[in-house]
Amino acid sequence: MSEIILMADPRVSAVPVRECGEPLIDIRTDGSLLVDLRKQDDSNAFHSLRKGLLERLLEAQAQLPGGLRFLVIEGYRPPGLQRRYFEDYAATLRAEHPAWPGERIRSAASRFVSLPEIAPHSAGAAVDLTLADAEGRELDLGTPVNATPEESAGACYTDATGITERARTHRRILAQALTAAGFVNYPTEWWHWSFGDRYWALVTGAACARYGTTWPAEPS
């Protein structure tokens, strides 16, 4: 397995952001994408993505084999919610590993929840998704979406062994379509794909990120 760069790696936070100003778009607008409600939050913004990201996501879906569609679980995540997710998971790890120093907790937590200050979801630059069939039924990709490394025994890692051949095939189909459209995967979460954020810039060698932390527009 190649090196896994975690979100806590200083190289990620060191990437500069040159904000392009693209708006967040409600991905439910034209009905092309299936949207699951399991991560719906009080802001009702979980179904939003940056305009350029949405365009690439639709491009990727068009490359899927016949009868398959993306099932979007979560796009945009408000900064406050991102911080809560990170702090809650870090607290869980701290309770389970009281001898771990703070930096190890921070790094381990970033396997599953990004550091709030650089989070791709809070930039509208990441999407958690899986595959569904023509009837909208979720396919088997080896673990539930959002399974932690602990509860999945590491099977949430994109290149994990110990999953079925069917699940591995589905992961390969997902990856091929999204990679061709310019997305990068966070390798500890097979379902997490991003474009234009700091992590994407580091992995692809881009000089800067296109999207930084953003907030939905206020209702007019």
Protein backbone atom coordinates (compact mmCIF):
# COMPACT_ATOMS: atom_id res chain seq x y z
CA MET A 1 0.00 0.00 0.00
CA SER A 2 1.36 3.44 -0.89
CA GLU A 3 1.87 6.14 1.74
CA ILE A 4 -1.35 7.43 3.24
CA ILE A 5 -1.24 11.17 3.83
CA LEU A 6 -3.60 12.05 6.66
CA MET A 7 -5.47 15.33 6.99
CA ALA A 8 -3.36 16.11 10.08
CA ASP A 9 -0.18 16.09 7.99
CA PRO A 10 1.36 19.59 8.08
CA ARG A 11 1.80 19.44 4.32
CA VAL A 12 -1.99 19.64 3.92
CA SER A 13 -2.49 22.75 6.05
CA ALA A 14 0.53 24.37 4.37
CA VAL A 15 -1.24 24.44 0.98
CA PRO A 16 -2.38 28.00 0.20
CA VAL A 17 -5.97 28.74 -0.79
CA ARG A 18 -6.83 30.99 -3.70
CA GLU A 19 -10.59 31.18 -3.25
CA CYS A 20 -12.40 31.21 -6.60
CA GLY A 21 -15.74 32.34 -5.19
CA GLU A 22 -17.94 29.66 -6.74
CA PRO A 23 -21.32 29.40 -5.00
CA LEU A 24 -22.73 26.39 -3.22
CA ILE A 25 -25.37 24.71 -5.38
CA ASP A 26 -28.25 22.51 -4.23
CA ILE A 27 -27.50 19.21 -5.95
CA ARG A 28 -31.18 18.22 -5.87
CA THR A 29 -32.06 20.91 -8.42
CA ASP A 30 -32.34 18.75 -11.53
CA GLY A 31 -32.88 15.35 -9.93
CA SER A 32 -29.90 13.72 -11.65
CA LEU A 33 -28.34 12.64 -8.36
CA LEU A 34 -29.87 10.48 -5.66
CA VAL A 35 -29.59 12.12 -2.24
CA ASP A 36 -29.77 10.13 0.99
CA LEU A 37 -31.00 11.86 4.16
CA ARG A 38 -28.93 10.02 6.77
CA LYS A 39 -26.56 12.99 7.28
CA GLN A 40 -29.17 15.73 7.10
CA ASP A 41 -28.33 18.49 9.59
CA ASP A 42 -30.05 21.52 11.05
CA SER A 43 -28.59 23.82 8.39
CA ASN A 44 -30.24 21.73 5.65
CA ALA A 45 -27.13 22.39 3.57
CA PHE A 46 -25.70 18.87 3.48
CA HIS A 47 -26.95 18.48 -0.11
CA SER A 48 -24.90 21.45 -1.41
CA LEU A 49 -21.63 21.44 -3.34
CA ARG A 50 -19.54 24.02 -5.12
CA LYS A 51 -20.71 24.59 -8.69
CA GLY A 52 -17.55 23.17 -10.28
CA LEU A 53 -17.66 20.13 -8.05
CA LEU A 54 -21.25 19.40 -8.97
CA GLU A 55 -20.44 19.63 -12.68
CA ARG A 56 -17.62 17.12 -12.26
CA LEU A 57 -19.81 14.83 -10.21
CA LEU A 58 -22.42 14.71 -12.95
CA GLU A 59 -19.65 14.06 -15.47
CA ALA A 60 -18.41 11.16 -13.35
CA GLN A 61 -21.90 9.69 -12.98
CA ALA A 62 -22.26 9.69 -16.77
CA GLN A 63 -19.25 7.35 -16.91
CA LEU A 64 -20.78 4.70 -14.64
CA PRO A 65 -21.87 1.38 -16.16
CA GLY A 66 -25.51 1.24 -17.24
CA GLY A 67 -28.01 0.99 -14.41
CA LEU A 68 -25.73 2.49 -11.75
CA ARG A 69 -26.00 5.90 -10.11
CA PHE A 70 -24.31 7.78 -7.33
CA LEU A 71 -26.07 7.95 -3.98
CA VAL A 72 -24.88 11.13 -2.27
CA ILE A 73 -24.71 10.94 1.51
CA GLU A 74 -23.17 14.30 2.40
CA GLY A 75 -21.67 17.29 0.66
CA TYR A 76 -21.31 20.60 2.47
CA ARG A 77 -20.83 20.54 6.24
CA PRO A 78 -21.05 23.75 8.30
CA PRO A 79 -17.79 24.63 10.11
CA GLY A 80 -19.41 24.38 13.54
CA LEU A 81 -20.71 20.89 12.83
CA GLN A 82 -17.31 19.85 11.46
CA ARG A 83 -15.66 21.00 14.69
CA ARG A 84 -18.20 19.09 16.77
CA TYR A 85 -17.63 15.89 14.79
CA PHE A 86 -13.86 16.21 15.18
CA GLU A 87 -13.96 16.97 18.90
CA ASP A 88 -16.42 14.16 19.62
CA TYR A 89 -14.32 11.57 17.79
CA ALA A 90 -11.10 12.85 19.37
CA ALA A 91 -12.74 12.56 22.81
CA THR A 92 -13.70 8.96 22.05
CA LEU A 93 -10.12 8.11 21.07
CA ARG A 94 -8.77 9.90 24.14
CA ALA A 95 -11.02 7.83 26.40
CA GLU A 96 -9.95 4.60 24.68
CA HIS A 97 -6.24 5.50 24.66
CA PRO A 98 -5.52 7.68 27.70
CA ALA A 99 -1.75 7.23 27.29
CA TRP A 100 -1.70 8.70 23.78
CA PRO A 101 -0.23 12.22 23.54
CA GLY A 102 -2.34 14.99 22.04
CA GLU A 103 -0.62 14.92 18.66
CA ARG A 104 -1.29 11.22 18.25
CA ILE A 105 -4.96 11.75 19.11
CA ARG A 106 -5.13 14.57 16.58
CA SER A 107 -3.54 12.45 13.86
CA ALA A 108 -5.66 9.38 14.60
CA ALA A 109 -8.84 11.44 14.65
CA SER A 110 -7.99 12.85 11.22
CA ARG A 111 -8.27 9.36 9.72
CA PHE A 112 -12.03 9.74 10.03
CA VAL A 113 -12.83 13.42 10.60
CA SER A 114 -10.82 16.23 9.05
CA LEU A 115 -9.31 19.00 11.16
CA PRO A 116 -11.95 21.77 11.19
CA GLU A 117 -9.61 24.47 9.89
CA ILE A 118 -8.88 22.62 6.63
CA ALA A 119 -11.98 20.43 6.23
CA PRO A 120 -12.90 19.79 2.57
CA HIS A 121 -16.58 19.36 3.47
CA SER A 122 -16.71 22.84 5.01
CA ALA A 123 -15.32 24.21 1.76
CA GLY A 124 -18.10 22.55 -0.24
CA ALA A 125 -15.29 20.67 -1.94
CA ALA A 126 -15.95 17.10 -0.79
CA VAL A 127 -18.69 14.59 -1.21
CA ASP A 128 -19.40 11.35 0.63
CA LEU A 129 -21.15 8.95 -1.70
CA THR A 130 -21.71 5.36 -2.73
CA LEU A 131 -23.31 3.45 -5.60
CA ALA A 132 -26.95 2.53 -6.14
CA ASP A 133 -28.71 0.45 -8.75
CA ALA A 134 -31.43 1.63 -11.12
CA GLU A 135 -34.06 1.26 -8.36
CA GLY A 136 -32.01 3.36 -5.96
CA ARG A 137 -30.90 0.43 -3.80
CA GLU A 138 -27.51 0.92 -2.19
CA LEU A 139 -24.82 -1.52 -3.34
CA ASP A 140 -22.34 -3.39 -1.15
CA LEU A 141 -18.98 -1.62 -0.99
CA GLY A 142 -17.62 -3.56 1.96
CA THR A 143 -18.62 -1.36 4.89
CA PRO A 144 -21.38 1.12 5.64
CA VAL A 145 -20.62 4.69 4.64
CA ASN A 146 -19.05 6.48 7.64
CA ALA A 147 -17.85 3.29 9.34
CA THR A 148 -14.93 4.20 11.61
CA PRO A 149 -11.56 2.44 11.34
CA GLU A 150 -12.27 0.84 14.72
CA GLU A 151 -15.73 -0.55 14.02
CA SER A 152 -14.80 -1.74 10.51
CA ALA A 153 -11.43 -3.22 11.56
CA GLY A 154 -9.82 -1.05 8.89
CA ALA A 155 -12.13 -2.19 6.08
CA CYS A 156 -13.15 1.44 5.55
CA TYR A 157 -9.72 2.06 4.01
CA THR A 158 -10.14 2.26 0.25
CA ASP A 159 -7.52 -0.40 -0.49
CA ALA A 160 -8.40 -2.64 2.44
CA THR A 161 -8.13 -6.37 2.09
CA GLY A 162 -10.68 -8.67 3.65
CA ILE A 163 -13.71 -7.42 1.75
CA THR A 164 -15.60 -9.45 -0.82
CA GLU A 165 -14.71 -9.44 -4.48
CA ARG A 166 -18.10 -7.92 -5.25
CA ALA A 167 -17.44 -5.03 -2.85
CA ARG A 168 -13.96 -4.56 -4.30
CA THR A 169 -15.43 -4.40 -7.81
CA HIS A 170 -17.93 -1.77 -6.73
CA ARG A 171 -15.16 0.30 -5.13
CA ARG A 172 -13.19 0.04 -8.35
CA ILE A 173 -16.16 1.25 -10.42
CA LEU A 174 -16.68 4.19 -8.05
CA ALA A 175 -13.00 5.12 -8.13
CA GLN A 176 -12.61 4.89 -11.89
CA ALA A 177 -15.49 7.24 -12.60
CA LEU A 178 -14.54 9.82 -9.97
CA THR A 179 -10.81 9.76 -10.70
CA ALA A 180 -11.49 10.31 -14.40
CA ALA A 181 -13.48 13.43 -13.49
CA GLY A 182 -10.59 14.86 -11.46
CA PHE A 183 -11.56 13.86 -7.92
CA VAL A 184 -9.13 12.49 -5.34
CA ASN A 185 -9.98 10.00 -2.62
CA TYR A 186 -9.14 10.21 1.07
CA PRO A 187 -7.67 6.70 1.39
CA THR A 188 -8.97 5.98 4.90
CA GLU A 189 -12.56 6.47 3.67
CA TRP A 190 -13.57 4.77 0.43
CA TRP A 191 -16.66 7.03 0.21
CA HIS A 192 -14.90 10.42 0.55
CA TRP A 193 -13.91 12.22 -2.66
CA SER A 194 -12.88 15.82 -3.14
CA PHE A 195 -11.85 18.37 -5.73
CA GLY A 196 -10.33 21.83 -5.35
CA ASP A 197 -9.52 21.64 -1.63
CA ARG A 198 -6.14 21.60 0.10
CA TYR A 199 -5.93 17.80 0.16
CA TRP A 200 -6.71 17.62 -3.56
CA ALA A 201 -4.03 20.24 -4.27
CA LEU A 202 -1.38 18.35 -2.31
CA VAL A 203 -2.17 15.01 -3.95
CA THR A 204 -2.33 16.40 -7.50
CA GLY A 205 0.56 18.85 -7.18
CA ALA A 206 -1.60 21.92 -7.77
CA ALA A 207 -0.05 25.19 -6.60
CA CYS A 208 -3.03 26.09 -4.43
CA ALA A 209 -6.53 25.06 -3.42
CA ARG A 210 -9.49 26.59 -5.24
CA TYR A 211 -11.94 26.37 -2.37
CA GLY A 212 -11.62 27.43 1.27
CA THR A 213 -14.10 27.32 4.14
CA THR A 214 -17.39 28.82 3.05
CA TRP A 215 -20.91 29.49 4.31
CA PRO A 216 -24.26 29.16 2.51
CA ALA A 217 -25.77 32.36 1.18
CA GLU A 218 -28.35 33.98 3.45
CA PRO A 219 -31.94 33.67 2.17
CA SER A 220 -32.96 36.79 0.24
